[in-house]
Amino acid sequence: MPDLPDPPEHGDSGPDGRDRAPETDVERRRRRAQFLRELAEARELRARVQPRRVKAARLRHAMRMRTFRW
C-alpha cells in the first residue's frame, strides 16, 4: 500500500497549505445541497441512458417493498 501523507494536526489548513477558518454550517449545507443536486442530475442522466437497467432496478425495488415485513 502506498505511503499516504500525514493528515493535518488540527485540520485548520486547506489543500494549498494556507490556514483557513473552520467551515460554517451554512457553507457545509451549501456544499451538501450542491452535491445532492449533482447526484440527482447524474441519476436522471443514467436513467435516460440505460432505461432497461433502470426499469429492472425499479421492479426489483417494488418486489423488495412488497415482500418487506413491517
PDB file of N, CA and C in Angstrom:
ATOM      1  N   MET A   1       0.845  -1.177   0.000  1.00  0.00           N
ATOM      2  CA  MET A   1       0.000   0.000   0.000  1.00  0.00           C
ATOM      3  C   MET A   1       0.889   1.238   0.000  1.00  0.00           C
ATOM      4  N   PRO A   2       0.577   2.235  -0.840  1.00  0.00           N
ATOM      5  CA  PRO A   2       1.462   3.407  -0.910  1.00  0.00           C
ATOM      6  C   PRO A   2       1.382   4.226   0.369  1.00  0.00           C
ATOM      7  N   ASP A   3       2.476   4.911   0.648  1.00  0.00           N
ATOM      8  CA  ASP A   3       2.501   5.775   1.819  1.00  0.00           C
ATOM      9  C   ASP A   3       1.612   6.978   1.583  1.00  0.00           C
ATOM     10  N   LEU A   4       0.764   7.280   2.548  1.00  0.00           N
ATOM     11  CA  LEU A   4      -0.116   8.423   2.447  1.00  0.00           C
ATOM     12  C   LEU A   4       0.462   9.569   3.255  1.00  0.00           C
ATOM     13  N   PRO A   5       0.219  10.812   2.816  1.00  0.00           N
ATOM     14  CA  PRO A   5       0.733  11.942   3.607  1.00  0.00           C
ATOM     15  C   PRO A   5       0.027  12.007   4.946  1.00  0.00           C
ATOM     16  N   ASP A   6       0.749  12.528   5.931  1.00  0.00           N
ATOM     17  CA  ASP A   6       0.169  12.659   7.265  1.00  0.00           C
ATOM     18  C   ASP A   6      -0.974  13.662   7.234  1.00  0.00           C
ATOM     19  N   PRO A   7      -2.077  13.351   7.919  1.00  0.00           N
ATOM     20  CA  PRO A   7      -3.182  14.315   7.966  1.00  0.00           C
ATOM     21  C   PRO A   7      -2.783  15.532   8.783  1.00  0.00           C
ATOM     22  N   PRO A   8      -3.379  16.685   8.505  1.00  0.00           N
ATOM     23  CA  PRO A   8      -3.032  17.876   9.292  1.00  0.00           C
ATOM     24  C   PRO A   8      -3.401  17.680  10.755  1.00  0.00           C
ATOM     25  N   GLU A   9      -2.655  18.352  11.627  1.00  0.00           N
ATOM     26  CA  GLU A   9      -2.841  18.200  13.065  1.00  0.00           C
ATOM     27  C   GLU A   9      -4.251  18.584  13.506  1.00  0.00           C
ATOM     28  N   HIS A  10      -4.676  19.796  13.113  1.00  0.00           N
ATOM     29  CA  HIS A  10      -5.963  20.295  13.587  1.00  0.00           C
ATOM     30  C   HIS A  10      -6.968  20.475  12.468  1.00  0.00           C
ATOM     31  N   GLY A  11      -6.577  20.245  11.241  1.00  0.00           N
ATOM     32  CA  GLY A  11      -7.482  20.426  10.121  1.00  0.00           C
ATOM     33  C   GLY A  11      -7.732  21.896   9.801  1.00  0.00           C
ATOM     34  N   ASP A  12      -6.806  22.784  10.228  1.00  0.00           N
ATOM     35  CA  ASP A  12      -7.011  24.215  10.020  1.00  0.00           C
ATOM     36  C   ASP A  12      -6.489  24.696   8.675  1.00  0.00           C
ATOM     37  N   SER A  13      -5.670  23.904   8.005  1.00  0.00           N
ATOM     38  CA  SER A  13      -5.112  24.384   6.747  1.00  0.00           C
ATOM     39  C   SER A  13      -5.799  23.702   5.575  1.00  0.00           C
ATOM     40  N   GLY A  14      -5.958  24.451   4.495  1.00  0.00           N
ATOM     41  CA  GLY A  14      -6.595  23.941   3.296  1.00  0.00           C
ATOM     42  C   GLY A  14      -5.639  23.114   2.471  1.00  0.00           C
ATOM     43  N   PRO A  15      -6.070  22.671   1.296  1.00  0.00           N
ATOM     44  CA  PRO A  15      -5.218  21.836   0.459  1.00  0.00           C
ATOM     45  C   PRO A  15      -3.980  22.575  -0.043  1.00  0.00           C
ATOM     46  N   ASP A  16      -4.046  23.903  -0.084  1.00  0.00           N
ATOM     47  CA  ASP A  16      -2.881  24.660  -0.551  1.00  0.00           C
ATOM     48  C   ASP A  16      -1.940  25.032   0.586  1.00  0.00           C
ATOM     49  N   GLY A  17      -2.223  24.586   1.821  1.00  0.00           N
ATOM     50  CA  GLY A  17      -1.325  24.806   2.944  1.00  0.00           C
ATOM     51  C   GLY A  17      -1.613  26.065   3.733  1.00  0.00           C
ATOM     52  N   ARG A  18      -2.482  26.943   3.216  1.00  0.00           N
ATOM     53  CA  ARG A  18      -2.802  28.170   3.945  1.00  0.00           C
ATOM     54  C   ARG A  18      -3.824  27.887   5.035  1.00  0.00           C
ATOM     55  N   ASP A  19      -3.726  28.646   6.123  1.00  0.00           N
ATOM     56  CA  ASP A  19      -4.709  28.498   7.203  1.00  0.00           C
ATOM     57  C   ASP A  19      -6.034  29.079   6.744  1.00  0.00           C
ATOM     58  N   ARG A  20      -7.111  28.446   7.206  1.00  0.00           N
ATOM     59  CA  ARG A  20      -8.440  28.971   6.890  1.00  0.00           C
ATOM     60  C   ARG A  20      -9.341  28.760   8.093  1.00  0.00           C
ATOM     61  N   ALA A  21     -10.387  29.534   8.137  1.00  0.00           N
ATOM     62  CA  ALA A  21     -11.317  29.460   9.262  1.00  0.00           C
ATOM     63  C   ALA A  21     -12.105  28.159   9.179  1.00  0.00           C
ATOM     64  N   PRO A  22     -12.582  27.657  10.314  1.00  0.00           N
ATOM     65  CA  PRO A  22     -13.403  26.442  10.279  1.00  0.00           C
ATOM     66  C   PRO A  22     -14.653  26.673   9.433  1.00  0.00           C
ATOM     67  N   GLU A  23     -15.091  25.624   8.795  1.00  0.00           N
ATOM     68  CA  GLU A  23     -16.253  25.710   7.916  1.00  0.00           C
ATOM     69  C   GLU A  23     -17.520  25.995   8.722  1.00  0.00           C
ATOM     70  N   THR A  24     -18.314  26.928   8.253  1.00  0.00           N
ATOM     71  CA  THR A  24     -19.554  27.243   8.958  1.00  0.00           C
ATOM     72  C   THR A  24     -20.649  26.279   8.528  1.00  0.00           C
ATOM     73  N   ASP A  25     -21.714  26.269   9.300  1.00  0.00           N
ATOM     74  CA  ASP A  25     -22.854  25.398   9.000  1.00  0.00           C
ATOM     75  C   ASP A  25     -23.467  25.751   7.648  1.00  0.00           C
ATOM     76  N   VAL A  26     -23.534  27.035   7.354  1.00  0.00           N
ATOM     77  CA  VAL A  26     -24.136  27.490   6.098  1.00  0.00           C
ATOM     78  C   VAL A  26     -23.307  27.000   4.911  1.00  0.00           C
ATOM     79  N   GLU A  27     -21.975  27.094   5.010  1.00  0.00           N
ATOM     80  CA  GLU A  27     -21.113  26.626   3.917  1.00  0.00           C
ATOM     81  C   GLU A  27     -21.256  25.124   3.711  1.00  0.00           C
ATOM     82  N   ARG A  28     -21.314  24.395   4.814  1.00  0.00           N
ATOM     83  CA  ARG A  28     -21.446  22.945   4.718  1.00  0.00           C
ATOM     84  C   ARG A  28     -22.773  22.571   4.063  1.00  0.00           C
ATOM     85  N   ARG A  29     -23.842  23.242   4.463  1.00  0.00           N
ATOM     86  CA  ARG A  29     -25.160  22.962   3.870  1.00  0.00           C
ATOM     87  C   ARG A  29     -25.179  23.309   2.393  1.00  0.00           C
ATOM     88  N   ARG A  30     -24.520  24.405   2.023  1.00  0.00           N
ATOM     89  CA  ARG A  30     -24.473  24.820   0.619  1.00  0.00           C
ATOM     90  C   ARG A  30     -23.728  23.774  -0.219  1.00  0.00           C
ATOM     91  N   ARG A  31     -22.579  23.309   0.296  1.00  0.00           N
ATOM     92  CA  ARG A  31     -21.829  22.281  -0.433  1.00  0.00           C
ATOM     93  C   ARG A  31     -22.634  20.990  -0.536  1.00  0.00           C
ATOM     94  N   ARG A  32     -23.332  20.625   0.543  1.00  0.00           N
ATOM     95  CA  ARG A  32     -24.144  19.403   0.543  1.00  0.00           C
ATOM     96  C   ARG A  32     -25.294  19.509  -0.451  1.00  0.00           C
ATOM     97  N   ALA A  33     -25.953  20.661  -0.496  1.00  0.00           N
ATOM     98  CA  ALA A  33     -27.051  20.865  -1.446  1.00  0.00           C
ATOM     99  C   ALA A  33     -26.543  20.763  -2.881  1.00  0.00           C
ATOM    100  N   GLN A  34     -25.371  21.350  -3.147  1.00  0.00           N
ATOM    101  CA  GLN A  34     -24.789  21.266  -4.493  1.00  0.00           C
ATOM    102  C   GLN A  34     -24.480  19.812  -4.842  1.00  0.00           C
ATOM    103  N   PHE A  35     -23.913  19.077  -3.905  1.00  0.00           N
ATOM    104  CA  PHE A  35     -23.594  17.673  -4.142  1.00  0.00           C
ATOM    105  C   PHE A  35     -24.862  16.873  -4.442  1.00  0.00           C
ATOM    106  N   LEU A  36     -25.920  17.089  -3.652  1.00  0.00           N
ATOM    107  CA  LEU A  36     -27.159  16.346  -3.857  1.00  0.00           C
ATOM    108  C   LEU A  36     -27.810  16.696  -5.199  1.00  0.00           C
ATOM    109  N   ARG A  37     -27.708  17.975  -5.615  1.00  0.00           N
ATOM    110  CA  ARG A  37     -28.232  18.353  -6.933  1.00  0.00           C
ATOM    111  C   ARG A  37     -27.485  17.622  -8.038  1.00  0.00           C
ATOM    112  N   GLU A  38     -26.155  17.593  -7.935  1.00  0.00           N
ATOM    113  CA  GLU A  38     -25.356  16.907  -8.951  1.00  0.00           C
ATOM    114  C   GLU A  38     -25.625  15.403  -8.954  1.00  0.00           C
ATOM    115  N   LEU A  39     -25.825  14.823  -7.784  1.00  0.00           N
ATOM    116  CA  LEU A  39     -26.130  13.404  -7.694  1.00  0.00           C
ATOM    117  C   LEU A  39     -27.470  13.088  -8.358  1.00  0.00           C
ATOM    118  N   ALA A  40     -28.474  13.908  -8.103  1.00  0.00           N
ATOM    119  CA  ALA A  40     -29.785  13.702  -8.729  1.00  0.00           C
ATOM    120  C   ALA A  40     -29.687  13.844 -10.244  1.00  0.00           C
ATOM    121  N   GLU A  41     -28.902  14.814 -10.693  1.00  0.00           N
ATOM    122  CA  GLU A  41     -28.716  15.014 -12.130  1.00  0.00           C
ATOM    123  C   GLU A  41     -28.037  13.803 -12.758  1.00  0.00           C
ATOM    124  N   ALA A  42     -27.038  13.253 -12.075  1.00  0.00           N
ATOM    125  CA  ALA A  42     -26.345  12.072 -12.594  1.00  0.00           C
ATOM    126  C   ALA A  42     -27.287  10.874 -12.659  1.00  0.00           C
ATOM    127  N   ARG A  43     -28.147  10.718 -11.654  1.00  0.00           N
ATOM    128  CA  ARG A  43     -29.109   9.606 -11.671  1.00  0.00           C
ATOM    129  C   ARG A  43     -30.104   9.754 -12.811  1.00  0.00           C
ATOM    130  N   GLU A  44     -30.572  10.983 -13.050  1.00  0.00           N
ATOM    131  CA  GLU A  44     -31.500  11.209 -14.159  1.00  0.00           C
ATOM    132  C   GLU A  44     -30.835  10.900 -15.492  1.00  0.00           C
ATOM    133  N   LEU A  45     -29.582  11.312 -15.634  1.00  0.00           N
ATOM    134  CA  LEU A  45     -28.861  11.029 -16.871  1.00  0.00           C
ATOM    135  C   LEU A  45     -28.709   9.529 -17.067  1.00  0.00           C
ATOM    136  N   ARG A  46     -28.350   8.812 -16.015  1.00  0.00           N
ATOM    137  CA  ARG A  46     -28.198   7.362 -16.114  1.00  0.00           C
ATOM    138  C   ARG A  46     -29.529   6.697 -16.462  1.00  0.00           C
ATOM    139  N   ALA A  47     -30.620   7.222 -15.909  1.00  0.00           N
ATOM    140  CA  ALA A  47     -31.943   6.666 -16.212  1.00  0.00           C
ATOM    141  C   ALA A  47     -32.281   6.855 -17.691  1.00  0.00           C
ATOM    142  N   ARG A  48     -31.874   7.982 -18.263  1.00  0.00           N
ATOM    143  CA  ARG A  48     -32.146   8.212 -19.681  1.00  0.00           C
ATOM    144  C   ARG A  48     -31.258   7.356 -20.569  1.00  0.00           C
ATOM    145  N   VAL A  49     -30.013   7.148 -20.147  1.00  0.00           N
ATOM    146  CA  VAL A  49     -29.059   6.421 -20.977  1.00  0.00           C
ATOM    147  C   VAL A  49     -29.273   4.919 -20.895  1.00  0.00           C
ATOM    148  N   GLN A  50     -29.700   4.416 -19.746  1.00  0.00           N
ATOM    149  CA  GLN A  50     -29.866   2.973 -19.547  1.00  0.00           C
ATOM    150  C   GLN A  50     -31.275   2.660 -19.058  1.00  0.00           C
ATOM    151  N   PRO A  51     -32.292   2.850 -19.904  1.00  0.00           N
ATOM    152  CA  PRO A  51     -33.665   2.669 -19.428  1.00  0.00           C
ATOM    153  C   PRO A  51     -33.981   1.242 -19.003  1.00  0.00           C
ATOM    154  N   ARG A  52     -33.394   0.256 -19.662  1.00  0.00           N
ATOM    155  CA  ARG A  52     -33.691  -1.135 -19.304  1.00  0.00           C
ATOM    156  C   ARG A  52     -33.185  -1.457 -17.903  1.00  0.00           C
ATOM    157  N   ARG A  53     -31.994  -1.014 -17.607  1.00  0.00           N
ATOM    158  CA  ARG A  53     -31.424  -1.257 -16.291  1.00  0.00           C
ATOM    159  C   ARG A  53     -32.226  -0.542 -15.203  1.00  0.00           C
ATOM    160  N   VAL A  54     -32.678   0.667 -15.492  1.00  0.00           N
ATOM    161  CA  VAL A  54     -33.464   1.428 -14.526  1.00  0.00           C
ATOM    162  C   VAL A  54     -34.804   0.745 -14.288  1.00  0.00           C
ATOM    163  N   LYS A  55     -35.416   0.249 -15.361  1.00  0.00           N
ATOM    164  CA  LYS A  55     -36.697  -0.444 -15.201  1.00  0.00           C
ATOM    165  C   LYS A  55     -36.520  -1.692 -14.346  1.00  0.00           C
ATOM    166  N   ALA A  56     -35.455  -2.447 -14.588  1.00  0.00           N
ATOM    167  CA  ALA A  56     -35.193  -3.655 -13.797  1.00  0.00           C
ATOM    168  C   ALA A  56     -34.964  -3.295 -12.325  1.00  0.00           C
ATOM    169  N   ALA A  57     -34.233  -2.224 -12.092  1.00  0.00           N
ATOM    170  CA  ALA A  57     -33.983  -1.795 -10.714  1.00  0.00           C
ATOM    171  C   ALA A  57     -35.286  -1.372 -10.040  1.00  0.00           C
ATOM    172  N   ARG A  58     -36.142  -0.680 -10.777  1.00  0.00           N
ATOM    173  CA  ARG A  58     -37.424  -0.257 -10.225  1.00  0.00           C
ATOM    174  C   ARG A  58     -38.291  -1.464  -9.872  1.00  0.00           C
ATOM    175  N   LEU A  59     -38.292  -2.471 -10.746  1.00  0.00           N
ATOM    176  CA  LEU A  59     -39.066  -3.681 -10.475  1.00  0.00           C
ATOM    177  C   LEU A  59     -38.508  -4.440  -9.266  1.00  0.00           C
ATOM    178  N   ARG A  60     -37.183  -4.518  -9.161  1.00  0.00           N
ATOM    179  CA  ARG A  60     -36.566  -5.174  -8.004  1.00  0.00           C
ATOM    180  C   ARG A  60     -36.933  -4.446  -6.716  1.00  0.00           C
ATOM    181  N   HIS A  61     -36.901  -3.126  -6.765  1.00  0.00           N
ATOM    182  CA  HIS A  61     -37.251  -2.347  -5.582  1.00  0.00           C
ATOM    183  C   HIS A  61     -38.711  -2.577  -5.188  1.00  0.00           C
ATOM    184  N   ALA A  62     -39.601  -2.605  -6.185  1.00  0.00           N
ATOM    185  CA  ALA A  62     -41.017  -2.841  -5.899  1.00  0.00           C
ATOM    186  C   ALA A  62     -41.214  -4.223  -5.278  1.00  0.00           C
ATOM    187  N   MET A  63     -40.520  -5.220  -5.794  1.00  0.00           N
ATOM    188  CA  MET A  63     -40.635  -6.571  -5.238  1.00  0.00           C
ATOM    189  C   MET A  63     -40.122  -6.599  -3.797  1.00  0.00           C
ATOM    190  N   ARG A  64     -39.009  -5.922  -3.559  1.00  0.00           N
ATOM    191  CA  ARG A  64     -38.440  -5.870  -2.219  1.00  0.00           C
ATOM    192  C   ARG A  64     -39.423  -5.210  -1.252  1.00  0.00           C
ATOM    193  N   MET A  65     -40.079  -4.149  -1.715  1.00  0.00           N
ATOM    194  CA  MET A  65     -41.010  -3.445  -0.842  1.00  0.00           C
ATOM    195  C   MET A  65     -42.271  -4.293  -0.592  1.00  0.00           C
ATOM    196  N   ARG A  66     -42.686  -5.076  -1.579  1.00  0.00           N
ATOM    197  CA  ARG A  66     -43.874  -5.930  -1.380  1.00  0.00           C
ATOM    198  C   ARG A  66     -43.594  -7.046  -0.376  1.00  0.00           C
ATOM    199  N   THR A  67     -42.365  -7.541  -0.375  1.00  0.00           N
ATOM    200  CA  THR A  67     -42.029  -8.681   0.498  1.00  0.00           C
ATOM    201  C   THR A  67     -41.481  -8.235   1.857  1.00  0.00           C
ATOM    202  N   PHE A  68     -41.325  -6.926   2.045  1.00  0.00           N
ATOM    203  CA  PHE A  68     -40.787  -6.426   3.302  1.00  0.00           C
ATOM    204  C   PHE A  68     -41.855  -6.514   4.386  1.00  0.00           C
ATOM    205  N   ARG A  69     -41.477  -7.013   5.555  1.00  0.00           N
ATOM    206  CA  ARG A  69     -42.428  -7.105   6.671  1.00  0.00           C
ATOM    207  C   ARG A  69     -42.208  -5.947   7.619  1.00  0.00           C
ATOM    208  N   TRP A  70     -43.252  -5.237   7.941  1.00  0.00           N
ATOM    209  CA  TRP A  70     -43.178  -4.125   8.897  1.00  0.00           C
ATOM    210  C   TRP A  70     -43.198  -4.650  10.248  1.00  0.00           C
TER     211      TRP A  70
END
